[in-house]
Each structure stands twice: as structure tokens, then as C-alpha cells.
N, C-alpha and C. Protein backbone atom coordinates (compact mmCIF):
# COMPACT_ATOMS: atom_id res chain seq x y z
N MET A 1 -78.54 84.24 -61.37
CA MET A 1 -77.53 83.25 -61.09
C MET A 1 -77.85 82.49 -59.81
N LYS A 2 -78.65 83.09 -58.94
CA LYS A 2 -79.02 82.41 -57.71
C LYS A 2 -80.09 81.35 -57.98
N GLN A 3 -81.06 81.66 -58.86
CA GLN A 3 -82.14 80.71 -59.13
C GLN A 3 -81.67 79.53 -59.98
N VAL A 4 -80.75 79.78 -60.91
CA VAL A 4 -80.30 78.73 -61.82
C VAL A 4 -78.76 78.75 -61.89
N PRO A 5 -78.10 78.33 -60.81
CA PRO A 5 -76.64 78.43 -60.76
C PRO A 5 -75.92 77.61 -61.83
N GLU A 6 -76.59 76.58 -62.35
CA GLU A 6 -75.93 75.76 -63.38
C GLU A 6 -75.66 76.55 -64.66
N LEU A 7 -76.34 77.70 -64.84
CA LEU A 7 -76.05 78.54 -66.01
C LEU A 7 -74.62 79.06 -66.01
N GLN A 8 -74.00 79.13 -64.84
CA GLN A 8 -72.63 79.62 -64.76
C GLN A 8 -71.67 78.73 -65.55
N LYS A 9 -72.06 77.49 -65.78
CA LYS A 9 -71.21 76.56 -66.54
C LYS A 9 -71.27 76.85 -68.04
N ASP A 10 -72.25 77.67 -68.47
CA ASP A 10 -72.45 77.91 -69.89
C ASP A 10 -71.61 79.05 -70.46
N TYR A 11 -70.85 79.74 -69.63
CA TYR A 11 -70.02 80.82 -70.15
C TYR A 11 -68.76 80.95 -69.31
N LYS A 12 -67.74 81.56 -69.91
CA LYS A 12 -66.50 81.86 -69.21
C LYS A 12 -66.33 83.37 -69.24
N MET A 13 -65.87 83.93 -68.15
CA MET A 13 -65.63 85.36 -68.09
C MET A 13 -64.46 85.69 -69.02
N PRO A 14 -64.64 86.64 -69.91
CA PRO A 14 -63.54 87.01 -70.79
C PRO A 14 -62.48 87.80 -70.01
N ASP A 15 -61.24 87.67 -70.41
CA ASP A 15 -60.16 88.43 -69.80
C ASP A 15 -59.85 89.60 -70.74
N LEU A 16 -60.46 90.73 -70.47
CA LEU A 16 -60.32 91.89 -71.34
C LEU A 16 -59.64 93.06 -70.63
N GLY A 17 -59.04 92.80 -69.48
CA GLY A 17 -58.37 93.86 -68.75
C GLY A 17 -59.30 94.69 -67.88
N LEU A 18 -60.55 94.27 -67.74
CA LEU A 18 -61.49 94.95 -66.86
C LEU A 18 -61.78 94.04 -65.67
N ASN A 19 -61.95 94.62 -64.52
CA ASN A 19 -62.39 93.84 -63.36
C ASN A 19 -63.90 93.70 -63.42
N LEU A 20 -64.35 92.64 -64.05
CA LEU A 20 -65.79 92.42 -64.25
C LEU A 20 -66.41 91.81 -63.00
N PHE A 21 -67.66 92.21 -62.74
CA PHE A 21 -68.40 91.60 -61.64
C PHE A 21 -68.77 90.19 -62.06
N LYS A 22 -68.08 89.22 -61.55
CA LYS A 22 -68.30 87.83 -61.96
C LYS A 22 -69.65 87.29 -61.50
N SER A 23 -70.17 87.81 -60.40
CA SER A 23 -71.42 87.28 -59.87
C SER A 23 -72.65 88.02 -60.40
N MET A 24 -72.45 88.97 -61.33
CA MET A 24 -73.59 89.78 -61.76
C MET A 24 -73.81 89.82 -63.28
N PRO A 25 -73.68 88.71 -63.99
CA PRO A 25 -74.06 88.79 -65.39
C PRO A 25 -75.57 89.04 -65.47
N MET A 26 -75.97 89.86 -66.39
CA MET A 26 -77.39 90.20 -66.56
C MET A 26 -77.85 89.62 -67.89
N LEU A 27 -78.92 88.82 -67.86
CA LEU A 27 -79.49 88.27 -69.07
C LEU A 27 -80.70 89.10 -69.49
N PHE A 28 -80.83 89.33 -70.79
CA PHE A 28 -81.95 90.11 -71.33
C PHE A 28 -82.61 89.30 -72.45
N PHE A 29 -83.93 89.19 -72.40
CA PHE A 29 -84.69 88.48 -73.41
C PHE A 29 -85.75 89.43 -73.94
N GLY A 30 -86.02 89.37 -75.23
CA GLY A 30 -87.05 90.23 -75.78
C GLY A 30 -87.70 89.65 -77.00
N GLY A 31 -88.97 89.96 -77.15
CA GLY A 31 -89.70 89.58 -78.35
C GLY A 31 -89.59 90.69 -79.39
N GLU A 32 -89.95 90.38 -80.61
CA GLU A 32 -89.87 91.36 -81.68
C GLU A 32 -90.62 92.65 -81.30
N GLY A 33 -89.93 93.78 -81.45
CA GLY A 33 -90.53 95.08 -81.17
C GLY A 33 -90.41 95.53 -79.72
N SER A 34 -90.02 94.64 -78.80
CA SER A 34 -89.87 95.07 -77.41
C SER A 34 -88.62 95.94 -77.29
N ASN A 35 -88.62 96.81 -76.28
CA ASN A 35 -87.46 97.68 -76.12
C ASN A 35 -87.17 97.96 -74.65
N VAL A 36 -85.98 98.45 -74.44
CA VAL A 36 -85.55 98.95 -73.14
C VAL A 36 -85.44 100.46 -73.30
N PHE A 37 -86.19 101.22 -72.50
CA PHE A 37 -86.22 102.67 -72.67
C PHE A 37 -84.84 103.28 -72.45
N MET A 38 -84.67 104.50 -72.95
CA MET A 38 -83.39 105.20 -72.87
C MET A 38 -83.04 105.48 -71.40
N HIS A 39 -81.83 105.10 -71.01
CA HIS A 39 -81.36 105.28 -69.64
C HIS A 39 -79.84 105.17 -69.62
N TYR A 40 -79.25 105.49 -68.49
CA TYR A 40 -77.87 105.08 -68.22
C TYR A 40 -77.90 104.33 -66.90
N ASP A 41 -76.90 103.50 -66.67
CA ASP A 41 -76.94 102.64 -65.50
C ASP A 41 -76.64 103.42 -64.23
N ILE A 42 -77.39 103.13 -63.18
CA ILE A 42 -77.32 103.88 -61.93
C ILE A 42 -75.91 103.86 -61.32
N ASP A 43 -75.17 102.79 -61.57
CA ASP A 43 -73.82 102.67 -61.02
C ASP A 43 -72.74 103.13 -61.99
N LEU A 44 -73.15 103.70 -63.12
CA LEU A 44 -72.24 104.20 -64.15
C LEU A 44 -71.18 103.17 -64.53
N ALA A 45 -71.61 101.92 -64.62
CA ALA A 45 -70.69 100.82 -64.94
C ALA A 45 -70.24 100.89 -66.39
N ASN A 46 -69.08 100.30 -66.65
CA ASN A 46 -68.65 99.99 -68.01
C ASN A 46 -69.34 98.68 -68.36
N ILE A 47 -69.97 98.62 -69.53
CA ILE A 47 -70.79 97.46 -69.87
C ILE A 47 -70.30 96.80 -71.15
N LEU A 48 -70.15 95.50 -71.09
CA LEU A 48 -69.92 94.68 -72.28
C LEU A 48 -71.22 93.95 -72.54
N HIS A 49 -71.86 94.25 -73.67
CA HIS A 49 -73.17 93.69 -73.98
C HIS A 49 -73.01 92.70 -75.13
N PHE A 50 -73.15 91.41 -74.81
CA PHE A 50 -72.98 90.33 -75.79
C PHE A 50 -74.35 89.91 -76.30
N HIS A 51 -74.49 89.82 -77.62
CA HIS A 51 -75.78 89.45 -78.20
C HIS A 51 -75.68 88.03 -78.76
N PHE A 52 -76.67 87.19 -78.42
CA PHE A 52 -76.59 85.77 -78.77
C PHE A 52 -77.58 85.30 -79.81
N ALA A 53 -78.72 85.92 -79.92
CA ALA A 53 -79.71 85.42 -80.87
C ALA A 53 -80.55 86.58 -81.37
N GLY A 54 -80.95 86.51 -82.63
CA GLY A 54 -81.81 87.53 -83.20
C GLY A 54 -81.04 88.79 -83.57
N ASN A 55 -81.80 89.84 -83.82
CA ASN A 55 -81.25 91.14 -84.21
C ASN A 55 -81.75 92.20 -83.24
N LYS A 56 -80.85 93.09 -82.87
CA LYS A 56 -81.17 94.12 -81.89
C LYS A 56 -80.56 95.44 -82.35
N ARG A 57 -81.32 96.52 -82.23
CA ARG A 57 -80.80 97.86 -82.52
C ARG A 57 -80.47 98.54 -81.20
N CYS A 58 -79.28 99.11 -81.13
CA CYS A 58 -78.83 99.83 -79.94
C CYS A 58 -78.54 101.27 -80.33
N ILE A 59 -79.03 102.19 -79.54
CA ILE A 59 -78.71 103.60 -79.70
C ILE A 59 -78.00 104.02 -78.43
N ILE A 60 -76.79 104.56 -78.57
CA ILE A 60 -76.07 105.05 -77.40
C ILE A 60 -75.78 106.54 -77.59
N VAL A 61 -75.80 107.26 -76.47
CA VAL A 61 -75.63 108.71 -76.49
C VAL A 61 -74.60 109.06 -75.42
N PRO A 62 -73.61 109.90 -75.77
CA PRO A 62 -72.57 110.23 -74.79
C PRO A 62 -73.10 111.06 -73.62
N PRO A 63 -72.45 110.93 -72.46
CA PRO A 63 -72.90 111.67 -71.27
C PRO A 63 -72.91 113.18 -71.48
N LYS A 64 -72.04 113.70 -72.34
CA LYS A 64 -72.00 115.15 -72.56
C LYS A 64 -73.32 115.68 -73.13
N ASP A 65 -74.14 114.80 -73.68
CA ASP A 65 -75.43 115.21 -74.24
C ASP A 65 -76.58 115.08 -73.25
N SER A 66 -76.29 114.73 -72.00
CA SER A 66 -77.34 114.51 -71.00
C SER A 66 -78.28 115.69 -70.86
N LYS A 67 -77.75 116.89 -70.98
CA LYS A 67 -78.58 118.08 -70.79
C LYS A 67 -79.69 118.20 -71.83
N TYR A 68 -79.59 117.46 -72.93
CA TYR A 68 -80.60 117.52 -74.00
C TYR A 68 -81.55 116.32 -73.98
N MET A 69 -81.41 115.44 -73.00
CA MET A 69 -82.11 114.16 -73.02
C MET A 69 -83.47 114.15 -72.32
N TYR A 70 -83.94 115.29 -71.81
CA TYR A 70 -85.20 115.34 -71.05
C TYR A 70 -85.13 114.34 -69.89
N LYS A 71 -83.98 114.44 -69.17
CA LYS A 71 -83.72 113.55 -68.03
C LYS A 71 -84.71 113.83 -66.91
N ILE A 72 -85.24 112.76 -66.36
CA ILE A 72 -86.15 112.84 -65.21
C ILE A 72 -85.31 113.13 -63.96
N PRO A 73 -85.63 114.18 -63.20
CA PRO A 73 -84.87 114.45 -61.98
C PRO A 73 -84.91 113.27 -61.00
N HIS A 74 -83.82 113.09 -60.28
CA HIS A 74 -83.69 112.04 -59.26
C HIS A 74 -83.83 110.65 -59.86
N SER A 75 -83.34 110.48 -61.08
CA SER A 75 -83.39 109.18 -61.74
C SER A 75 -82.28 109.10 -62.79
N VAL A 76 -82.24 107.99 -63.50
CA VAL A 76 -81.25 107.80 -64.57
C VAL A 76 -81.94 107.50 -65.89
N ILE A 77 -83.17 107.99 -66.04
CA ILE A 77 -83.94 107.78 -67.27
C ILE A 77 -84.37 109.13 -67.83
N CYS A 78 -84.78 109.11 -69.09
CA CYS A 78 -85.39 110.29 -69.67
C CYS A 78 -86.88 110.02 -69.83
N ARG A 79 -87.58 110.97 -70.39
CA ARG A 79 -89.02 110.79 -70.57
C ARG A 79 -89.27 109.51 -71.34
N GLU A 80 -90.14 108.66 -70.81
CA GLU A 80 -90.42 107.38 -71.45
C GLU A 80 -91.32 107.52 -72.66
N ASP A 81 -91.94 108.69 -72.86
CA ASP A 81 -92.81 108.87 -74.01
C ASP A 81 -92.06 109.40 -75.24
N ILE A 82 -90.74 109.47 -75.17
CA ILE A 82 -89.94 109.84 -76.35
C ILE A 82 -89.72 108.58 -77.18
N ASP A 83 -90.02 108.67 -78.45
CA ASP A 83 -89.80 107.56 -79.38
C ASP A 83 -88.43 107.72 -80.02
N PHE A 84 -87.43 107.03 -79.50
CA PHE A 84 -86.08 107.18 -80.03
C PHE A 84 -85.89 106.51 -81.38
N ASP A 85 -86.85 105.70 -81.80
CA ASP A 85 -86.79 105.14 -83.15
C ASP A 85 -87.15 106.21 -84.19
N ASN A 86 -87.98 107.14 -83.79
CA ASN A 86 -88.46 108.19 -84.69
C ASN A 86 -88.80 109.43 -83.85
N PRO A 87 -87.77 110.15 -83.35
CA PRO A 87 -88.04 111.25 -82.43
C PRO A 87 -88.81 112.40 -83.09
N ASP A 88 -89.76 112.95 -82.34
CA ASP A 88 -90.55 114.09 -82.77
C ASP A 88 -89.82 115.35 -82.31
N PHE A 89 -89.07 115.97 -83.22
CA PHE A 89 -88.25 117.12 -82.87
C PHE A 89 -89.08 118.38 -82.61
N ASP A 90 -90.33 118.39 -83.05
CA ASP A 90 -91.20 119.51 -82.71
C ASP A 90 -91.58 119.43 -81.23
N LYS A 91 -91.88 118.23 -80.77
CA LYS A 91 -92.26 118.04 -79.37
C LYS A 91 -91.05 118.03 -78.44
N TRP A 92 -89.92 117.49 -78.93
CA TRP A 92 -88.70 117.34 -78.13
C TRP A 92 -87.53 118.03 -78.84
N PRO A 93 -87.55 119.37 -78.95
CA PRO A 93 -86.55 120.07 -79.76
C PRO A 93 -85.10 119.91 -79.28
N ALA A 94 -84.88 119.71 -78.01
CA ALA A 94 -83.50 119.57 -77.51
C ALA A 94 -82.81 118.34 -78.09
N LEU A 95 -83.58 117.34 -78.50
CA LEU A 95 -82.97 116.11 -79.05
C LEU A 95 -82.21 116.38 -80.34
N LYS A 96 -82.48 117.51 -80.99
CA LYS A 96 -81.70 117.86 -82.19
C LYS A 96 -80.22 118.02 -81.87
N ASN A 97 -79.90 118.26 -80.60
CA ASN A 97 -78.52 118.53 -80.19
C ASN A 97 -77.75 117.30 -79.74
N ILE A 98 -78.39 116.13 -79.68
CA ILE A 98 -77.67 114.94 -79.23
C ILE A 98 -76.89 114.32 -80.39
N ASN A 99 -75.89 113.53 -80.03
CA ASN A 99 -75.03 112.86 -81.01
C ASN A 99 -75.13 111.35 -80.81
N PRO A 100 -76.26 110.76 -81.23
CA PRO A 100 -76.43 109.32 -81.02
C PRO A 100 -75.55 108.50 -81.95
N MET A 101 -75.21 107.31 -81.49
CA MET A 101 -74.52 106.32 -82.31
C MET A 101 -75.41 105.09 -82.35
N TYR A 102 -75.39 104.40 -83.48
CA TYR A 102 -76.28 103.27 -83.70
C TYR A 102 -75.45 102.01 -83.93
N ALA A 103 -75.93 100.91 -83.38
CA ALA A 103 -75.31 99.61 -83.61
C ALA A 103 -76.42 98.59 -83.75
N ASP A 104 -76.41 97.86 -84.85
CA ASP A 104 -77.33 96.76 -85.04
C ASP A 104 -76.56 95.48 -84.74
N LEU A 105 -76.96 94.81 -83.65
CA LEU A 105 -76.25 93.61 -83.21
C LEU A 105 -76.91 92.36 -83.74
N LYS A 106 -76.05 91.42 -84.15
CA LYS A 106 -76.47 90.10 -84.58
C LYS A 106 -75.77 89.07 -83.69
N HIS A 107 -76.13 87.82 -83.84
CA HIS A 107 -75.55 86.74 -83.03
C HIS A 107 -74.03 86.84 -83.00
N GLY A 108 -73.49 86.79 -81.78
CA GLY A 108 -72.04 86.75 -81.60
C GLY A 108 -71.37 88.11 -81.53
N GLU A 109 -72.12 89.18 -81.68
CA GLU A 109 -71.51 90.51 -81.64
C GLU A 109 -71.61 91.10 -80.23
N MET A 110 -70.69 92.03 -79.95
CA MET A 110 -70.63 92.65 -78.63
C MET A 110 -70.58 94.17 -78.81
N LEU A 111 -71.21 94.86 -77.88
CA LEU A 111 -71.17 96.32 -77.85
C LEU A 111 -70.60 96.74 -76.50
N TYR A 112 -69.60 97.62 -76.54
CA TYR A 112 -69.05 98.19 -75.32
C TYR A 112 -69.73 99.53 -75.08
N MET A 113 -70.28 99.72 -73.87
CA MET A 113 -70.90 100.98 -73.49
C MET A 113 -70.11 101.55 -72.32
N PRO A 114 -69.38 102.64 -72.57
CA PRO A 114 -68.58 103.23 -71.49
C PRO A 114 -69.45 103.77 -70.36
N GLU A 115 -68.82 103.98 -69.23
CA GLU A 115 -69.52 104.43 -68.03
C GLU A 115 -70.29 105.73 -68.29
N GLY A 116 -71.54 105.71 -67.86
CA GLY A 116 -72.38 106.90 -67.95
C GLY A 116 -73.04 107.16 -69.29
N TRP A 117 -72.84 106.29 -70.27
CA TRP A 117 -73.46 106.50 -71.58
C TRP A 117 -74.93 106.08 -71.53
N TRP A 118 -75.78 106.89 -72.16
CA TRP A 118 -77.19 106.56 -72.31
C TRP A 118 -77.31 105.42 -73.31
N HIS A 119 -78.31 104.56 -73.13
CA HIS A 119 -78.54 103.50 -74.12
C HIS A 119 -80.01 103.11 -74.18
N TYR A 120 -80.40 102.79 -75.39
CA TYR A 120 -81.76 102.35 -75.73
C TYR A 120 -81.58 101.11 -76.60
N MET A 121 -82.36 100.08 -76.35
CA MET A 121 -82.24 98.85 -77.12
C MET A 121 -83.61 98.40 -77.59
N LYS A 122 -83.67 97.97 -78.84
CA LYS A 122 -84.92 97.47 -79.40
C LYS A 122 -84.65 96.15 -80.10
N TYR A 123 -85.47 95.15 -79.78
CA TYR A 123 -85.35 93.85 -80.43
C TYR A 123 -86.05 93.92 -81.79
N LEU A 124 -85.28 93.77 -82.86
CA LEU A 124 -85.85 93.75 -84.21
C LEU A 124 -86.46 92.39 -84.50
N THR A 125 -85.93 91.38 -83.83
CA THR A 125 -86.47 90.01 -83.88
C THR A 125 -86.38 89.48 -82.45
N PRO A 126 -87.05 88.37 -82.15
CA PRO A 126 -86.85 87.79 -80.81
C PRO A 126 -85.37 87.49 -80.59
N GLY A 127 -84.90 87.68 -79.36
CA GLY A 127 -83.50 87.42 -79.10
C GLY A 127 -83.15 87.50 -77.63
N PHE A 128 -81.86 87.28 -77.35
CA PHE A 128 -81.39 87.45 -75.98
C PHE A 128 -79.94 87.88 -75.97
N SER A 129 -79.57 88.52 -74.88
CA SER A 129 -78.24 89.08 -74.70
C SER A 129 -77.80 88.91 -73.25
N MET A 130 -76.50 89.15 -73.02
CA MET A 130 -75.96 89.14 -71.67
C MET A 130 -75.04 90.34 -71.52
N SER A 131 -75.15 91.02 -70.40
CA SER A 131 -74.25 92.13 -70.10
C SER A 131 -73.36 91.77 -68.92
N LEU A 132 -72.09 92.12 -69.09
CA LEU A 132 -71.12 92.03 -68.00
C LEU A 132 -70.70 93.46 -67.70
N ARG A 133 -70.40 93.73 -66.44
CA ARG A 133 -70.13 95.10 -66.05
C ARG A 133 -68.93 95.20 -65.13
N SER A 134 -68.32 96.38 -65.13
CA SER A 134 -67.24 96.68 -64.20
C SER A 134 -67.50 98.06 -63.60
N LEU A 135 -66.92 98.30 -62.45
CA LEU A 135 -67.09 99.59 -61.78
C LEU A 135 -66.61 100.74 -62.67
N ALA A 136 -67.18 101.90 -62.43
CA ALA A 136 -66.69 103.11 -63.09
C ALA A 136 -65.23 103.32 -62.71
N HIS A 137 -64.42 103.73 -63.67
CA HIS A 137 -63.00 103.94 -63.41
C HIS A 137 -62.69 105.40 -63.05
N LYS A 138 -63.44 106.31 -63.62
CA LYS A 138 -63.18 107.73 -63.36
C LYS A 138 -63.68 108.07 -61.95
N PRO A 139 -62.83 108.70 -61.13
CA PRO A 139 -63.24 109.03 -59.76
C PRO A 139 -64.55 109.82 -59.69
N LYS A 140 -64.74 110.78 -60.60
CA LYS A 140 -65.98 111.57 -60.60
C LYS A 140 -67.19 110.66 -60.81
N ASN A 141 -67.09 109.72 -61.75
CA ASN A 141 -68.20 108.81 -62.02
C ASN A 141 -68.42 107.83 -60.88
N LEU A 142 -67.33 107.39 -60.26
CA LEU A 142 -67.47 106.47 -59.13
C LEU A 142 -68.19 107.15 -57.97
N SER A 143 -67.84 108.41 -57.69
CA SER A 143 -68.53 109.12 -56.60
C SER A 143 -69.98 109.40 -56.97
N GLU A 144 -70.26 109.68 -58.26
CA GLU A 144 -71.65 109.87 -58.68
C GLU A 144 -72.43 108.56 -58.55
N ALA A 145 -71.79 107.45 -58.86
CA ALA A 145 -72.45 106.14 -58.73
C ALA A 145 -72.84 105.87 -57.28
N VAL A 146 -71.94 106.17 -56.35
CA VAL A 146 -72.24 105.98 -54.93
C VAL A 146 -73.41 106.88 -54.53
N TYR A 147 -73.37 108.13 -54.98
CA TYR A 147 -74.48 109.06 -54.69
C TYR A 147 -75.79 108.50 -55.26
N ASN A 148 -75.77 108.07 -56.52
CA ASN A 148 -76.99 107.56 -57.17
C ASN A 148 -77.59 106.38 -56.42
N VAL A 149 -76.75 105.42 -56.07
CA VAL A 149 -77.22 104.18 -55.47
C VAL A 149 -77.72 104.39 -54.04
N PHE A 150 -76.98 105.18 -53.27
CA PHE A 150 -77.31 105.28 -51.85
C PHE A 150 -78.15 106.50 -51.46
N LEU A 151 -78.01 107.61 -52.15
CA LEU A 151 -78.74 108.81 -51.77
C LEU A 151 -79.89 109.13 -52.73
N MET A 152 -79.57 109.29 -54.00
CA MET A 152 -80.60 109.68 -54.97
C MET A 152 -81.76 108.69 -54.99
N ARG A 153 -81.43 107.42 -55.10
CA ARG A 153 -82.48 106.39 -55.17
C ARG A 153 -83.30 106.35 -53.88
N THR A 154 -82.64 106.50 -52.74
CA THR A 154 -83.35 106.50 -51.46
C THR A 154 -84.30 107.68 -51.37
N TYR A 155 -83.81 108.87 -51.74
CA TYR A 155 -84.66 110.06 -51.71
C TYR A 155 -85.86 109.88 -52.64
N ASP A 156 -85.61 109.39 -53.85
CA ASP A 156 -86.70 109.20 -54.81
C ASP A 156 -87.73 108.20 -54.28
N ASN A 157 -87.27 107.11 -53.68
CA ASN A 157 -88.20 106.13 -53.11
C ASN A 157 -89.03 106.71 -51.97
N ILE A 158 -88.41 107.53 -51.13
CA ILE A 158 -89.15 108.17 -50.05
C ILE A 158 -90.23 109.09 -50.62
N MET A 159 -89.86 109.90 -51.61
CA MET A 159 -90.81 110.83 -52.21
C MET A 159 -91.94 110.09 -52.94
N ARG A 160 -91.64 108.97 -53.56
CA ARG A 160 -92.70 108.16 -54.18
C ARG A 160 -93.67 107.65 -53.12
N GLY A 161 -93.12 107.27 -51.98
CA GLY A 161 -93.96 106.80 -50.89
C GLY A 161 -94.85 107.90 -50.33
N ILE A 162 -94.33 109.11 -50.27
CA ILE A 162 -95.08 110.24 -49.71
C ILE A 162 -96.10 110.78 -50.72
N LYS A 163 -95.63 111.03 -51.95
CA LYS A 163 -96.47 111.72 -52.94
C LYS A 163 -97.08 110.80 -54.00
N GLY A 164 -96.57 109.59 -54.13
CA GLY A 164 -97.12 108.66 -55.11
C GLY A 164 -97.01 109.16 -56.54
N GLN A 165 -98.10 108.99 -57.28
CA GLN A 165 -98.13 109.35 -58.70
C GLN A 165 -97.87 110.84 -58.92
N GLN A 166 -98.25 111.66 -57.98
CA GLN A 166 -98.01 113.11 -58.11
C GLN A 166 -96.52 113.40 -58.24
N TRP A 167 -95.69 112.68 -57.48
CA TRP A 167 -94.23 112.85 -57.55
C TRP A 167 -93.72 112.51 -58.95
N ILE A 168 -94.21 111.43 -59.52
CA ILE A 168 -93.78 111.01 -60.86
C ILE A 168 -94.20 112.06 -61.89
N GLU A 169 -95.41 112.55 -61.79
CA GLU A 169 -95.89 113.57 -62.73
C GLU A 169 -95.10 114.87 -62.60
N GLU A 170 -94.78 115.27 -61.36
CA GLU A 170 -93.96 116.47 -61.15
C GLU A 170 -92.59 116.31 -61.80
N LYS A 171 -91.97 115.16 -61.61
CA LYS A 171 -90.64 114.92 -62.18
C LYS A 171 -90.70 114.93 -63.71
N ASN A 172 -91.75 114.33 -64.28
CA ASN A 172 -91.88 114.31 -65.73
C ASN A 172 -92.01 115.73 -66.28
N GLU A 173 -92.77 116.58 -65.60
CA GLU A 173 -92.91 117.98 -66.04
C GLU A 173 -91.60 118.74 -65.89
N ARG A 174 -90.89 118.49 -64.79
CA ARG A 174 -89.60 119.17 -64.58
C ARG A 174 -88.58 118.76 -65.62
N ALA A 175 -88.66 117.54 -66.12
CA ALA A 175 -87.74 117.12 -67.18
C ALA A 175 -87.90 118.01 -68.41
N ILE A 176 -89.14 118.36 -68.71
CA ILE A 176 -89.40 119.23 -69.87
C ILE A 176 -88.95 120.65 -69.58
N THR A 177 -89.38 121.21 -68.46
CA THR A 177 -89.04 122.61 -68.17
C THR A 177 -87.53 122.79 -67.99
N ASN A 178 -86.86 121.86 -67.31
CA ASN A 178 -85.41 121.98 -67.12
C ASN A 178 -84.67 121.93 -68.45
N THR A 179 -85.07 121.03 -69.33
CA THR A 179 -84.39 120.89 -70.62
C THR A 179 -84.69 122.09 -71.50
N ASN A 180 -85.93 122.52 -71.54
CA ASN A 180 -86.28 123.67 -72.39
C ASN A 180 -85.59 124.95 -71.94
N LYS A 181 -85.37 125.12 -70.64
CA LYS A 181 -84.61 126.28 -70.15
C LYS A 181 -83.20 126.30 -70.75
N LEU A 182 -82.60 125.12 -70.83
CA LEU A 182 -81.24 125.04 -71.37
C LEU A 182 -81.17 125.43 -72.85
N ILE A 183 -82.16 124.98 -73.62
CA ILE A 183 -82.08 125.27 -75.06
C ILE A 183 -82.52 126.68 -75.39
N LEU A 184 -83.21 127.37 -74.45
CA LEU A 184 -83.60 128.76 -74.68
C LEU A 184 -82.47 129.73 -74.39
N LYS A 185 -81.44 129.27 -73.65
CA LYS A 185 -80.31 130.15 -73.32
C LYS A 185 -79.47 130.43 -74.54
């Protein structure tokens, strides 16, 4: 919005009873087959995702299933080598326990993603979307969002600076061992 402020004239903020961040609409563009890896938003925002062109597949997973997602420590993503279009349950057995929901979006459709929900998006055709967000409403999620933004991310950035690629590899391995410990119990 800073680089092209005239875009603000192309949309009106909907009045849906949420205090939306008016200055932070996020635009997403993708070519056929491109995707956004599985993650949840660092600020645990409530998200209204409007789709304007093309076809997009969205997979959302409730926060209660986080323990099965092979979450990378000190981050809000899971292992990037998991293919959520066709998960390998032999390699990633904990994924058998998640309860994903699927939405195929077409022009003019909107998806609401509640605070803390995991989401993965894949462009089935070229397209673009816009997300509007509001702060987490649940006090527990709001405090986690503050922790994520100011402490977790800072710690992770410091460790990346100190250890570099080794830190990333350690976290990726811990995602597997931490998740597998849970499913062995």
C-alpha cells in the first residue's frame, strides 16, 4: 500500500463486525501450481481471504492438531518437505491424526480462517487474492502472538545469525523427533 497507494481506491473495507487492520491488506499472486507452504500466522490473526481470479485450493487445519503437524521449533511453519496435496503417511505418520478441511476458491469467494489455524494454499490456475486481518480475540492467543512477534522471532533470528544453516537443520530434525515422541505415547 505504500508503493502503490492508489490501489486503496480499488476496494472498500467490509463491515463484518471485526476490527480489521485497514492499513495492512495483503495481496497474493500465484501462477498455476505455485503454493504457500503450511503455516499459521505469527500474530494469530483472524483472516478474511478474498479470491479474485483463477482457482485456488485451500487446506486449513485446526490449532488442536498442531502437535501432529511436524511443527518447526521457534517458528510458525511445519516441515516444508511435506506434500499436503498427497501426504506420505509412511514418512509422516502423525499426519493421519489431523482433521484438515478443504476449500476450492473461485472468483468472488471468501474463506475465513480463525486465529491460529494452519493453512496451505495452492493455485490450481493463475490467480490473485487479498487477505484482511484482525487481532486475535482470545487473550491466550493474543499473548502468544506478542510472544511470537517479539521474543520467538528475535531468538530464532539470533540463532540463525550464530549457527546459520546448522540451526535450520537442527530445527527440522527436532520437528520430526518431537512429533514422533507424541505419537509413540
